[in-house]
Amino acid sequence: MTNSNRIRPIHSGQDYAAALTRVEVLMGAERTRDEDDELDVLATLVEVYEDQHFPMDAPDPIEAIRFRAQQFDMTESDPALIFGN
């Protein structure tokens, strides 16, 4: 890893964008062991930043089932075939 690509904390939207860009580059290439480590650390930093700045509530369980059923073009009664009554 070069000095310009050194890993640092994500403090701003600009830092976040730069980290995402670097993650994208690393994911699209064959990596060395050092680059694998860099990707692992960057992914962790990005996850922490996203958890702090873009929190997501857990979905309502019924809505989650409806959404997933919709993705598979299931009718409202089809999940009963899987889960039972």
PDB file of N, CA and C in Angstrom:
ATOM      1  N   MET A   1       0.857  -1.185   0.000  1.00  0.00           N
ATOM      2  CA  MET A   1       0.000   0.000   0.000  1.00  0.00           C
ATOM      3  C   MET A   1       0.891   1.233   0.000  1.00  0.00           C
ATOM      4  N   THR A   2       0.612   2.157  -0.897  1.00  0.00           N
ATOM      5  CA  THR A   2       1.415   3.376  -0.964  1.00  0.00           C
ATOM      6  C   THR A   2       0.961   4.347   0.104  1.00  0.00           C
ATOM      7  N   ASN A   3       1.788   5.335   0.347  1.00  0.00           N
ATOM      8  CA  ASN A   3       1.478   6.330   1.366  1.00  0.00           C
ATOM      9  C   ASN A   3       0.178   7.061   1.058  1.00  0.00           C
ATOM     10  N   SER A   4      -0.113   7.292  -0.251  1.00  0.00           N
ATOM     11  CA  SER A   4      -1.341   8.007  -0.604  1.00  0.00           C
ATOM     12  C   SER A   4      -2.586   7.161  -0.330  1.00  0.00           C
ATOM     13  N   ASN A   5      -2.420   5.840  -0.224  1.00  0.00           N
ATOM     14  CA  ASN A   5      -3.548   4.953   0.051  1.00  0.00           C
ATOM     15  C   ASN A   5      -3.567   4.470   1.487  1.00  0.00           C
ATOM     16  N   ARG A   6      -2.865   5.146   2.360  1.00  0.00           N
ATOM     17  CA  ARG A   6      -2.824   4.673   3.742  1.00  0.00           C
ATOM     18  C   ARG A   6      -4.214   4.722   4.358  1.00  0.00           C
ATOM     19  N   ILE A   7      -4.458   3.781   5.219  1.00  0.00           N
ATOM     20  CA  ILE A   7      -5.768   3.684   5.868  1.00  0.00           C
ATOM     21  C   ILE A   7      -5.842   4.712   6.974  1.00  0.00           C
ATOM     22  N   ARG A   8      -6.974   5.415   6.993  1.00  0.00           N
ATOM     23  CA  ARG A   8      -7.199   6.400   8.038  1.00  0.00           C
ATOM     24  C   ARG A   8      -8.668   6.393   8.421  1.00  0.00           C
ATOM     25  N   PRO A   9      -8.995   6.924   9.577  1.00  0.00           N
ATOM     26  CA  PRO A   9     -10.400   6.955   9.997  1.00  0.00           C
ATOM     27  C   PRO A   9     -11.258   7.736   9.003  1.00  0.00           C
ATOM     28  N   ILE A  10     -12.529   7.424   8.977  1.00  0.00           N
ATOM     29  CA  ILE A  10     -13.478   8.128   8.111  1.00  0.00           C
ATOM     30  C   ILE A  10     -14.175   9.186   8.961  1.00  0.00           C
ATOM     31  N   HIS A  11     -13.850  10.457   8.681  1.00  0.00           N
ATOM     32  CA  HIS A  11     -14.394  11.568   9.473  1.00  0.00           C
ATOM     33  C   HIS A  11     -15.446  12.382   8.723  1.00  0.00           C
ATOM     34  N   SER A  12     -15.523  12.221   7.413  1.00  0.00           N
ATOM     35  CA  SER A  12     -16.403  13.089   6.631  1.00  0.00           C
ATOM     36  C   SER A  12     -16.975  12.329   5.442  1.00  0.00           C
ATOM     37  N   GLY A  13     -17.909  12.965   4.788  1.00  0.00           N
ATOM     38  CA  GLY A  13     -18.468  12.389   3.579  1.00  0.00           C
ATOM     39  C   GLY A  13     -17.415  12.202   2.505  1.00  0.00           C
ATOM     40  N   GLN A  14     -16.462  13.120   2.463  1.00  0.00           N
ATOM     41  CA  GLN A  14     -15.369  13.017   1.481  1.00  0.00           C
ATOM     42  C   GLN A  14     -14.489  11.798   1.798  1.00  0.00           C
ATOM     43  N   ASP A  15     -14.174  11.598   3.072  1.00  0.00           N
ATOM     44  CA  ASP A  15     -13.399  10.418   3.483  1.00  0.00           C
ATOM     45  C   ASP A  15     -14.166   9.138   3.146  1.00  0.00           C
ATOM     46  N   TYR A  16     -15.468   9.168   3.381  1.00  0.00           N
ATOM     47  CA  TYR A  16     -16.322   8.017   3.108  1.00  0.00           C
ATOM     48  C   TYR A  16     -16.310   7.678   1.614  1.00  0.00           C
ATOM     49  N   ALA A  17     -16.473   8.710   0.777  1.00  0.00           N
ATOM     50  CA  ALA A  17     -16.466   8.496  -0.672  1.00  0.00           C
ATOM     51  C   ALA A  17     -15.121   7.927  -1.133  1.00  0.00           C
ATOM     52  N   ALA A  18     -14.043   8.443  -0.579  1.00  0.00           N
ATOM     53  CA  ALA A  18     -12.714   7.952  -0.947  1.00  0.00           C
ATOM     54  C   ALA A  18     -12.536   6.493  -0.517  1.00  0.00           C
ATOM     55  N   ALA A  19     -13.027   6.153   0.656  1.00  0.00           N
ATOM     56  CA  ALA A  19     -12.923   4.774   1.140  1.00  0.00           C
ATOM     57  C   ALA A  19     -13.737   3.835   0.253  1.00  0.00           C
ATOM     58  N   LEU A  20     -14.939   4.260  -0.138  1.00  0.00           N
ATOM     59  CA  LEU A  20     -15.767   3.428  -1.020  1.00  0.00           C
ATOM     60  C   LEU A  20     -15.098   3.222  -2.377  1.00  0.00           C
ATOM     61  N   THR A  21     -14.484   4.271  -2.892  1.00  0.00           N
ATOM     62  CA  THR A  21     -13.770   4.168  -4.166  1.00  0.00           C
ATOM     63  C   THR A  21     -12.632   3.170  -4.060  1.00  0.00           C
ATOM     64  N   ARG A  22     -11.876   3.246  -2.983  1.00  0.00           N
ATOM     65  CA  ARG A  22     -10.759   2.320  -2.793  1.00  0.00           C
ATOM     66  C   ARG A  22     -11.260   0.891  -2.614  1.00  0.00           C
ATOM     67  N   VAL A  23     -12.346   0.699  -1.887  1.00  0.00           N
ATOM     68  CA  VAL A  23     -12.935  -0.628  -1.714  1.00  0.00           C
ATOM     69  C   VAL A  23     -13.332  -1.191  -3.079  1.00  0.00           C
ATOM     70  N   GLU A  24     -13.953  -0.350  -3.904  1.00  0.00           N
ATOM     71  CA  GLU A  24     -14.363  -0.775  -5.240  1.00  0.00           C
ATOM     72  C   GLU A  24     -13.163  -1.221  -6.076  1.00  0.00           C
ATOM     73  N   VAL A  25     -12.081  -0.452  -6.017  1.00  0.00           N
ATOM     74  CA  VAL A  25     -10.866  -0.797  -6.754  1.00  0.00           C
ATOM     75  C   VAL A  25     -10.317  -2.138  -6.262  1.00  0.00           C
ATOM     76  N   LEU A  26     -10.240  -2.281  -4.963  1.00  0.00           N
ATOM     77  CA  LEU A  26      -9.688  -3.511  -4.391  1.00  0.00           C
ATOM     78  C   LEU A  26     -10.557  -4.726  -4.712  1.00  0.00           C
ATOM     79  N   MET A  27     -11.870  -4.550  -4.704  1.00  0.00           N
ATOM     80  CA  MET A  27     -12.754  -5.676  -4.969  1.00  0.00           C
ATOM     81  C   MET A  27     -12.694  -6.111  -6.427  1.00  0.00           C
ATOM     82  N   GLY A  28     -12.344  -5.187  -7.318  1.00  0.00           N
ATOM     83  CA  GLY A  28     -12.314  -5.501  -8.738  1.00  0.00           C
ATOM     84  C   GLY A  28     -10.971  -5.967  -9.238  1.00  0.00           C
ATOM     85  N   ALA A  29     -10.037  -6.254  -8.348  1.00  0.00           N
ATOM     86  CA  ALA A  29      -8.685  -6.615  -8.773  1.00  0.00           C
ATOM     87  C   ALA A  29      -8.217  -7.869  -8.050  1.00  0.00           C
ATOM     88  N   GLU A  30      -7.224  -8.514  -8.635  1.00  0.00           N
ATOM     89  CA  GLU A  30      -6.537  -9.569  -7.891  1.00  0.00           C
ATOM     90  C   GLU A  30      -5.704  -8.861  -6.836  1.00  0.00           C
ATOM     91  N   ARG A  31      -5.778  -9.364  -5.612  1.00  0.00           N
ATOM     92  CA  ARG A  31      -5.151  -8.649  -4.502  1.00  0.00           C
ATOM     93  C   ARG A  31      -3.986  -9.433  -3.920  1.00  0.00           C
ATOM     94  N   THR A  32      -3.052  -8.659  -3.382  1.00  0.00           N
ATOM     95  CA  THR A  32      -1.971  -9.244  -2.589  1.00  0.00           C
ATOM     96  C   THR A  32      -2.514  -9.456  -1.179  1.00  0.00           C
ATOM     97  N   ARG A  33      -1.755 -10.101  -0.357  1.00  0.00           N
ATOM     98  CA  ARG A  33      -2.169 -10.301   1.041  1.00  0.00           C
ATOM     99  C   ARG A  33      -2.336  -8.944   1.737  1.00  0.00           C
ATOM    100  N   ASP A  34      -1.428  -8.008   1.482  1.00  0.00           N
ATOM    101  CA  ASP A  34      -1.548  -6.673   2.086  1.00  0.00           C
ATOM    102  C   ASP A  34      -2.822  -5.969   1.619  1.00  0.00           C
ATOM    103  N   GLU A  35      -3.161  -6.135   0.345  1.00  0.00           N
ATOM    104  CA  GLU A  35      -4.387  -5.518  -0.157  1.00  0.00           C
ATOM    105  C   GLU A  35      -5.627  -6.199   0.404  1.00  0.00           C
ATOM    106  N   ASP A  36      -5.556  -7.507   0.638  1.00  0.00           N
ATOM    107  CA  ASP A  36      -6.666  -8.194   1.319  1.00  0.00           C
ATOM    108  C   ASP A  36      -6.874  -7.608   2.710  1.00  0.00           C
ATOM    109  N   ASP A  37      -5.771  -7.386   3.414  1.00  0.00           N
ATOM    110  CA  ASP A  37      -5.857  -6.785   4.756  1.00  0.00           C
ATOM    111  C   ASP A  37      -6.417  -5.370   4.674  1.00  0.00           C
ATOM    112  N   GLU A  38      -5.953  -4.611   3.688  1.00  0.00           N
ATOM    113  CA  GLU A  38      -6.442  -3.242   3.507  1.00  0.00           C
ATOM    114  C   GLU A  38      -7.951  -3.257   3.258  1.00  0.00           C
ATOM    115  N   LEU A  39      -8.408  -4.154   2.390  1.00  0.00           N
ATOM    116  CA  LEU A  39      -9.840  -4.254   2.094  1.00  0.00           C
ATOM    117  C   LEU A  39     -10.631  -4.610   3.345  1.00  0.00           C
ATOM    118  N   ASP A  40     -10.125  -5.532   4.126  1.00  0.00           N
ATOM    119  CA  ASP A  40     -10.806  -5.945   5.354  1.00  0.00           C
ATOM    120  C   ASP A  40     -10.960  -4.770   6.317  1.00  0.00           C
ATOM    121  N   VAL A  41      -9.890  -4.013   6.505  1.00  0.00           N
ATOM    122  CA  VAL A  41      -9.933  -2.875   7.430  1.00  0.00           C
ATOM    123  C   VAL A  41     -10.834  -1.768   6.880  1.00  0.00           C
ATOM    124  N   LEU A  42     -10.723  -1.468   5.589  1.00  0.00           N
ATOM    125  CA  LEU A  42     -11.572  -0.432   4.996  1.00  0.00           C
ATOM    126  C   LEU A  42     -13.049  -0.810   5.087  1.00  0.00           C
ATOM    127  N   ALA A  43     -13.375  -2.067   4.826  1.00  0.00           N
ATOM    128  CA  ALA A  43     -14.772  -2.503   4.908  1.00  0.00           C
ATOM    129  C   ALA A  43     -15.313  -2.316   6.318  1.00  0.00           C
ATOM    130  N   THR A  44     -14.491  -2.588   7.309  1.00  0.00           N
ATOM    131  CA  THR A  44     -14.899  -2.396   8.704  1.00  0.00           C
ATOM    132  C   THR A  44     -15.125  -0.914   8.995  1.00  0.00           C
ATOM    133  N   LEU A  45     -14.217  -0.063   8.536  1.00  0.00           N
ATOM    134  CA  LEU A  45     -14.367   1.383   8.751  1.00  0.00           C
ATOM    135  C   LEU A  45     -15.618   1.911   8.060  1.00  0.00           C
ATOM    136  N   VAL A  46     -15.866   1.453   6.840  1.00  0.00           N
ATOM    137  CA  VAL A  46     -17.056   1.880   6.101  1.00  0.00           C
ATOM    138  C   VAL A  46     -18.314   1.432   6.834  1.00  0.00           C
ATOM    139  N   GLU A  47     -18.324   0.202   7.312  1.00  0.00           N
ATOM    140  CA  GLU A  47     -19.487  -0.312   8.038  1.00  0.00           C
ATOM    141  C   GLU A  47     -19.777   0.518   9.286  1.00  0.00           C
ATOM    142  N   VAL A  48     -18.753   0.859  10.039  1.00  0.00           N
ATOM    143  CA  VAL A  48     -18.936   1.666  11.250  1.00  0.00           C
ATOM    144  C   VAL A  48     -19.470   3.050  10.883  1.00  0.00           C
ATOM    145  N   TYR A  49     -18.900   3.668   9.844  1.00  0.00           N
ATOM    146  CA  TYR A  49     -19.359   4.987   9.407  1.00  0.00           C
ATOM    147  C   TYR A  49     -20.830   4.918   8.988  1.00  0.00           C
ATOM    148  N   GLU A  50     -21.193   3.893   8.207  1.00  0.00           N
ATOM    149  CA  GLU A  50     -22.579   3.768   7.753  1.00  0.00           C
ATOM    150  C   GLU A  50     -23.529   3.527   8.918  1.00  0.00           C
ATOM    151  N   ASP A  51     -23.123   2.712   9.876  1.00  0.00           N
ATOM    152  CA  ASP A  51     -23.964   2.469  11.047  1.00  0.00           C
ATOM    153  C   ASP A  51     -24.226   3.761  11.829  1.00  0.00           C
ATOM    154  N   GLN A  52     -23.209   4.625  11.894  1.00  0.00           N
ATOM    155  CA  GLN A  52     -23.344   5.882  12.640  1.00  0.00           C
ATOM    156  C   GLN A  52     -24.125   6.939  11.863  1.00  0.00           C
ATOM    157  N   HIS A  53     -23.942   6.985  10.544  1.00  0.00           N
ATOM    158  CA  HIS A  53     -24.527   8.065   9.754  1.00  0.00           C
ATOM    159  C   HIS A  53     -25.775   7.675   8.963  1.00  0.00           C
ATOM    160  N   PHE A  54     -25.973   6.399   8.731  1.00  0.00           N
ATOM    161  CA  PHE A  54     -27.124   5.930   7.972  1.00  0.00           C
ATOM    162  C   PHE A  54     -27.779   4.746   8.689  1.00  0.00           C
ATOM    163  N   PRO A  55     -28.219   4.943   9.943  1.00  0.00           N
ATOM    164  CA  PRO A  55     -28.784   3.807  10.684  1.00  0.00           C
ATOM    165  C   PRO A  55     -30.064   3.298  10.016  1.00  0.00           C
ATOM    166  N   MET A  56     -30.238   2.004  10.103  1.00  0.00           N
ATOM    167  CA  MET A  56     -31.442   1.380   9.544  1.00  0.00           C
ATOM    168  C   MET A  56     -32.133   0.576  10.638  1.00  0.00           C
ATOM    169  N   ASP A  57     -33.423   0.807  10.768  1.00  0.00           N
ATOM    170  CA  ASP A  57     -34.204   0.020  11.705  1.00  0.00           C
ATOM    171  C   ASP A  57     -34.434  -1.365  11.125  1.00  0.00           C
ATOM    172  N   ALA A  58     -34.587  -2.329  11.987  1.00  0.00           N
ATOM    173  CA  ALA A  58     -34.909  -3.675  11.533  1.00  0.00           C
ATOM    174  C   ALA A  58     -36.298  -3.647  10.898  1.00  0.00           C
ATOM    175  N   PRO A  59     -36.487  -4.394   9.811  1.00  0.00           N
ATOM    176  CA  PRO A  59     -37.797  -4.370   9.163  1.00  0.00           C
ATOM    177  C   PRO A  59     -38.840  -5.100  10.003  1.00  0.00           C
ATOM    178  N   ASP A  60     -40.067  -4.729   9.797  1.00  0.00           N
ATOM    179  CA  ASP A  60     -41.178  -5.451  10.396  1.00  0.00           C
ATOM    180  C   ASP A  60     -41.162  -6.866   9.807  1.00  0.00           C
ATOM    181  N   PRO A  61     -41.230  -7.916  10.638  1.00  0.00           N
ATOM    182  CA  PRO A  61     -41.116  -9.285  10.119  1.00  0.00           C
ATOM    183  C   PRO A  61     -42.145  -9.629   9.035  1.00  0.00           C
ATOM    184  N   ILE A  62     -43.362  -9.179   9.208  1.00  0.00           N
ATOM    185  CA  ILE A  62     -44.404  -9.465   8.214  1.00  0.00           C
ATOM    186  C   ILE A  62     -44.100  -8.749   6.905  1.00  0.00           C
ATOM    187  N   GLU A  63     -43.680  -7.500   7.003  1.00  0.00           N
ATOM    188  CA  GLU A  63     -43.329  -6.741   5.798  1.00  0.00           C
ATOM    189  C   GLU A  63     -42.122  -7.364   5.098  1.00  0.00           C
ATOM    190  N   ALA A  64     -41.175  -7.888   5.860  1.00  0.00           N
ATOM    191  CA  ALA A  64     -40.002  -8.539   5.274  1.00  0.00           C
ATOM    192  C   ALA A  64     -40.416  -9.784   4.493  1.00  0.00           C
ATOM    193  N   ILE A  65     -41.348 -10.560   5.038  1.00  0.00           N
ATOM    194  CA  ILE A  65     -41.842 -11.749   4.340  1.00  0.00           C
ATOM    195  C   ILE A  65     -42.593 -11.344   3.075  1.00  0.00           C
ATOM    196  N   ARG A  66     -43.423 -10.323   3.176  1.00  0.00           N
ATOM    197  CA  ARG A  66     -44.164  -9.840   1.995  1.00  0.00           C
ATOM    198  C   ARG A  66     -43.209  -9.372   0.906  1.00  0.00           C
ATOM    199  N   PHE A  67     -42.180  -8.632   1.309  1.00  0.00           N
ATOM    200  CA  PHE A  67     -41.203  -8.118   0.350  1.00  0.00           C
ATOM    201  C   PHE A  67     -40.486  -9.263  -0.361  1.00  0.00           C
ATOM    202  N   ARG A  68     -40.042 -10.236   0.416  1.00  0.00           N
ATOM    203  CA  ARG A  68     -39.313 -11.373  -0.164  1.00  0.00           C
ATOM    204  C   ARG A  68     -40.228 -12.190  -1.067  1.00  0.00           C
ATOM    205  N   ALA A  69     -41.459 -12.391  -0.662  1.00  0.00           N
ATOM    206  CA  ALA A  69     -42.425 -13.119  -1.487  1.00  0.00           C
ATOM    207  C   ALA A  69     -42.653 -12.379  -2.801  1.00  0.00           C
ATOM    208  N   GLN A  70     -42.726 -11.060  -2.727  1.00  0.00           N
ATOM    209  CA  GLN A  70     -42.923 -10.240  -3.913  1.00  0.00           C
ATOM    210  C   GLN A  70     -41.741 -10.395  -4.874  1.00  0.00           C
ATOM    211  N   GLN A  71     -40.529 -10.501  -4.338  1.00  0.00           N
ATOM    212  CA  GLN A  71     -39.346 -10.675  -5.179  1.00  0.00           C
ATOM    213  C   GLN A  71     -39.405 -11.978  -5.974  1.00  0.00           C
ATOM    214  N   PHE A  72     -40.093 -12.967  -5.448  1.00  0.00           N
ATOM    215  CA  PHE A  72     -40.212 -14.261  -6.113  1.00  0.00           C
ATOM    216  C   PHE A  72     -41.562 -14.420  -6.818  1.00  0.00           C
ATOM    217  N   ASP A  73     -42.278 -13.307  -6.998  1.00  0.00           N
ATOM    218  CA  ASP A  73     -43.591 -13.322  -7.656  1.00  0.00           C
ATOM    219  C   ASP A  73     -44.545 -14.320  -7.016  1.00  0.00           C
ATOM    220  N   MET A  74     -44.517 -14.390  -5.692  1.00  0.00           N
ATOM    221  CA  MET A  74     -45.416 -15.284  -4.969  1.00  0.00           C
ATOM    222  C   MET A  74     -46.714 -14.550  -4.643  1.00  0.00           C
ATOM    223  N   THR A  75     -47.790 -15.299  -4.548  1.00  0.00           N
ATOM    224  CA  THR A  75     -49.050 -14.713  -4.112  1.00  0.00           C
ATOM    225  C   THR A  75     -49.028 -14.633  -2.587  1.00  0.00           C
ATOM    226  N   GLU A  76     -50.032 -13.993  -2.020  1.00  0.00           N
ATOM    227  CA  GLU A  76     -50.076 -13.878  -0.559  1.00  0.00           C
ATOM    228  C   GLU A  76     -50.248 -15.237   0.113  1.00  0.00           C
ATOM    229  N   SER A  77     -50.835 -16.202  -0.578  1.00  0.00           N
ATOM    230  CA  SER A  77     -51.047 -17.516   0.041  1.00  0.00           C
ATOM    231  C   SER A  77     -49.835 -18.450  -0.151  1.00  0.00           C
ATOM    232  N   ASP A  78     -48.922 -18.134  -1.073  1.00  0.00           N
ATOM    233  CA  ASP A  78     -47.769 -19.012  -1.306  1.00  0.00           C
ATOM    234  C   ASP A  78     -46.861 -19.200  -0.092  1.00  0.00           C
ATOM    235  N   PRO A  79     -46.585 -18.187   0.702  1.00  0.00           N
ATOM    236  CA  PRO A  79     -45.729 -18.421   1.875  1.00  0.00           C
ATOM    237  C   PRO A  79     -46.308 -19.469   2.833  1.00  0.00           C
ATOM    238  N   ALA A  80     -47.617 -19.634   2.856  1.00  0.00           N
ATOM    239  CA  ALA A  80     -48.221 -20.647   3.728  1.00  0.00           C
ATOM    240  C   ALA A  80     -47.784 -22.050   3.317  1.00  0.00           C
ATOM    241  N   LEU A  81     -47.476 -22.238   2.037  1.00  0.00           N
ATOM    242  CA  LEU A  81     -46.980 -23.525   1.579  1.00  0.00           C
ATOM    243  C   LEU A  81     -45.613 -23.830   2.180  1.00  0.00           C
ATOM    244  N   ILE A  82     -44.852 -22.795   2.462  1.00  0.00           N
ATOM    245  CA  ILE A  82     -43.517 -22.949   3.049  1.00  0.00           C
ATOM    246  C   ILE A  82     -43.602 -23.029   4.560  1.00  0.00           C
ATOM    247  N   PHE A  83     -44.327 -22.093   5.169  1.00  0.00           N
ATOM    248  CA  PHE A  83     -44.355 -21.960   6.625  1.00  0.00           C
ATOM    249  C   PHE A  83     -45.471 -22.747   7.290  1.00  0.00           C
ATOM    250  N   GLY A  84     -46.455 -23.125   6.527  1.00  0.00           N
ATOM    251  CA  GLY A  84     -47.638 -23.748   7.115  1.00  0.00           C
ATOM    252  C   GLY A  84     -48.628 -22.681   7.518  1.00  0.00           C
ATOM    253  N   ASN A  85     -49.751 -23.119   8.064  1.00  0.00           N
ATOM    254  CA  ASN A  85     -50.799 -22.163   8.432  1.00  0.00           C
ATOM    255  C   ASN A  85     -50.435 -21.384   9.668  1.00  0.00           C
TER     256      ASN A  85
END
